[in-house]
Amino acid sequence: MSSRSCPDWPDLMEVAPELQFKHYTVAEVQLPADALMQISTVSLSDVAICCDLDKNVFYAAHTDERMADALRQSHWYEIREWISAGRPGS
């Protein structure tokens, strides 16, 4: 487990063992421009995201609410949506 690993990883592994959630600032990851435009009034180094970067899945409970709302309107999935959609792209 890395220092970026989500502290909820044991629970997340139970529902989606193929995902690895880590914590980042939005400035550290390459997110869709359409999502970033929706939070343009804040510093990206101050906005947190908990996600699996490879699968484009985020964990809303540990993601800044503004970023979670923006990601929902992009090609990213919230973990519950990803599970209910049949694990797209897995």
C-alpha atoms as a PDB file:
ATOM      1  CA  MET A   1       0.000   0.000   0.000  1.00  0.00           C
ATOM      2  CA  SER A   2       1.412   3.405  -0.957  1.00  0.00           C
ATOM      3  CA  SER A   3       1.080   6.613   1.037  1.00  0.00           C
ATOM      4  CA  ARG A   4      -1.446   7.798  -1.554  1.00  0.00           C
ATOM      5  CA  SER A   5      -3.663   4.768  -1.101  1.00  0.00           C
ATOM      6  CA  CYS A   6      -7.159   5.574   0.032  1.00  0.00           C
ATOM      7  CA  PRO A   7      -7.645   4.809   3.739  1.00  0.00           C
ATOM      8  CA  ASP A   8     -10.917   3.087   2.780  1.00  0.00           C
ATOM      9  CA  TRP A   9      -9.056   0.624   0.552  1.00  0.00           C
ATOM     10  CA  PRO A  10     -10.162  -2.502   2.484  1.00  0.00           C
ATOM     11  CA  ASP A  11     -13.842  -1.623   1.939  1.00  0.00           C
ATOM     12  CA  LEU A  12     -13.245  -0.588  -1.670  1.00  0.00           C
ATOM     13  CA  MET A  13     -11.403  -3.854  -2.377  1.00  0.00           C
ATOM     14  CA  GLU A  14     -14.490  -5.751  -1.232  1.00  0.00           C
ATOM     15  CA  VAL A  15     -16.730  -4.075  -3.817  1.00  0.00           C
ATOM     16  CA  ALA A  16     -14.231  -3.566  -6.648  1.00  0.00           C
ATOM     17  CA  PRO A  17     -11.026  -5.599  -6.179  1.00  0.00           C
ATOM     18  CA  GLU A  18      -9.829  -4.728  -9.693  1.00  0.00           C
ATOM     19  CA  LEU A  19      -9.558  -1.018  -8.818  1.00  0.00           C
ATOM     20  CA  GLN A  20      -6.827   0.732  -6.852  1.00  0.00           C
ATOM     21  CA  PHE A  21      -7.935   4.052  -5.377  1.00  0.00           C
ATOM     22  CA  LYS A  22      -5.345   6.686  -4.546  1.00  0.00           C
ATOM     23  CA  HIS A  23      -5.555  10.301  -3.405  1.00  0.00           C
ATOM     24  CA  TYR A  24      -4.284  13.106  -5.645  1.00  0.00           C
ATOM     25  CA  THR A  25      -4.734  16.789  -6.166  1.00  0.00           C
ATOM     26  CA  VAL A  26      -6.461  17.592  -9.444  1.00  0.00           C
ATOM     27  CA  ALA A  27      -3.285  19.400 -10.538  1.00  0.00           C
ATOM     28  CA  GLU A  28      -1.419  16.058 -10.421  1.00  0.00           C
ATOM     29  CA  VAL A  29      -3.672  14.151 -12.814  1.00  0.00           C
ATOM     30  CA  GLN A  30      -4.763  14.747 -16.379  1.00  0.00           C
ATOM     31  CA  LEU A  31      -8.508  15.143 -16.245  1.00  0.00           C
ATOM     32  CA  PRO A  32     -10.851  15.958 -19.121  1.00  0.00           C
ATOM     33  CA  ALA A  33     -10.851  19.629 -20.116  1.00  0.00           C
ATOM     34  CA  ASP A  34     -14.649  19.743 -19.964  1.00  0.00           C
ATOM     35  CA  ALA A  35     -14.526  18.694 -16.297  1.00  0.00           C
ATOM     36  CA  LEU A  36     -11.720  21.114 -15.435  1.00  0.00           C
ATOM     37  CA  MET A  37     -13.596  24.028 -17.013  1.00  0.00           C
ATOM     38  CA  GLN A  38     -16.400  23.522 -14.514  1.00  0.00           C
ATOM     39  CA  ILE A  39     -14.117  24.151 -11.542  1.00  0.00           C
ATOM     40  CA  SER A  40     -12.002  26.900 -13.072  1.00  0.00           C
ATOM     41  CA  THR A  41     -12.547  29.262 -10.138  1.00  0.00           C
ATOM     42  CA  VAL A  42     -10.446  27.199  -7.693  1.00  0.00           C
ATOM     43  CA  SER A  43      -6.784  26.283  -7.474  1.00  0.00           C
ATOM     44  CA  LEU A  44      -6.325  22.771  -8.868  1.00  0.00           C
ATOM     45  CA  SER A  45      -3.653  22.095  -6.260  1.00  0.00           C
ATOM     46  CA  ASP A  46      -6.311  22.611  -3.559  1.00  0.00           C
ATOM     47  CA  VAL A  47      -8.903  20.238  -5.039  1.00  0.00           C
ATOM     48  CA  ALA A  48      -8.715  16.586  -3.980  1.00  0.00           C
ATOM     49  CA  ILE A  49      -9.665  13.506  -5.958  1.00  0.00           C
ATOM     50  CA  CYS A  50      -9.687   9.858  -4.919  1.00  0.00           C
ATOM     51  CA  CYS A  51      -9.609   7.675  -8.001  1.00  0.00           C
ATOM     52  CA  ASP A  52      -8.293   4.809 -10.059  1.00  0.00           C
ATOM     53  CA  LEU A  53      -6.594   6.680 -12.890  1.00  0.00           C
ATOM     54  CA  ASP A  54      -6.369   3.687 -15.217  1.00  0.00           C
ATOM     55  CA  LYS A  55     -10.098   2.928 -15.152  1.00  0.00           C
ATOM     56  CA  ASN A  56     -11.418   6.538 -14.854  1.00  0.00           C
ATOM     57  CA  VAL A  57     -13.336   5.723 -11.683  1.00  0.00           C
ATOM     58  CA  PHE A  58     -13.543   8.057  -8.685  1.00  0.00           C
ATOM     59  CA  TYR A  59     -14.710   7.665  -5.097  1.00  0.00           C
ATOM     60  CA  ALA A  60     -17.074  10.549  -4.338  1.00  0.00           C
ATOM     61  CA  ALA A  61     -16.760  10.194  -0.560  1.00  0.00           C
ATOM     62  CA  HIS A  62     -13.114  11.310  -0.778  1.00  0.00           C
ATOM     63  CA  THR A  63     -13.349  13.627  -3.792  1.00  0.00           C
ATOM     64  CA  ASP A  64     -14.013  17.340  -3.639  1.00  0.00           C
ATOM     65  CA  GLU A  65     -17.732  17.771  -4.276  1.00  0.00           C
ATOM     66  CA  ARG A  66     -17.168  20.287  -7.095  1.00  0.00           C
ATOM     67  CA  MET A  67     -14.791  17.889  -8.832  1.00  0.00           C
ATOM     68  CA  ALA A  68     -17.143  14.928  -8.349  1.00  0.00           C
ATOM     69  CA  ASP A  69     -19.986  16.886  -9.961  1.00  0.00           C
ATOM     70  CA  ALA A  70     -17.754  17.836 -12.886  1.00  0.00           C
ATOM     71  CA  LEU A  71     -16.485  14.270 -13.360  1.00  0.00           C
ATOM     72  CA  ARG A  72     -20.030  12.891 -13.416  1.00  0.00           C
ATOM     73  CA  GLN A  73     -20.598  14.973 -16.548  1.00  0.00           C
ATOM     74  CA  SER A  74     -17.539  13.506 -18.286  1.00  0.00           C
ATOM     75  CA  HIS A  75     -16.505   9.966 -19.234  1.00  0.00           C
ATOM     76  CA  TRP A  76     -15.525   9.217 -15.612  1.00  0.00           C
ATOM     77  CA  TYR A  77     -17.608   6.987 -13.342  1.00  0.00           C
ATOM     78  CA  GLU A  78     -18.280   7.185  -9.623  1.00  0.00           C
ATOM     79  CA  ILE A  79     -17.555   3.761  -8.123  1.00  0.00           C
ATOM     80  CA  ARG A  80     -21.223   2.914  -7.447  1.00  0.00           C
ATOM     81  CA  GLU A  81     -22.153   3.886 -11.000  1.00  0.00           C
ATOM     82  CA  TRP A  82     -19.220   1.882 -12.379  1.00  0.00           C
ATOM     83  CA  ILE A  83     -20.334  -1.229 -10.484  1.00  0.00           C
ATOM     84  CA  SER A  84     -23.990  -0.845 -11.489  1.00  0.00           C
ATOM     85  CA  ALA A  85     -23.030  -0.259 -15.148  1.00  0.00           C
ATOM     86  CA  GLY A  86     -21.319  -3.633 -15.263  1.00  0.00           C
ATOM     87  CA  ARG A  87     -17.744  -2.399 -14.818  1.00  0.00           C
ATOM     88  CA  PRO A  88     -17.260  -0.699 -18.202  1.00  0.00           C
ATOM     89  CA  GLY A  89     -13.772  -0.884 -19.628  1.00  0.00           C
ATOM     90  CA  SER A  90     -12.635  -3.595 -17.227  1.00  0.00           C
END
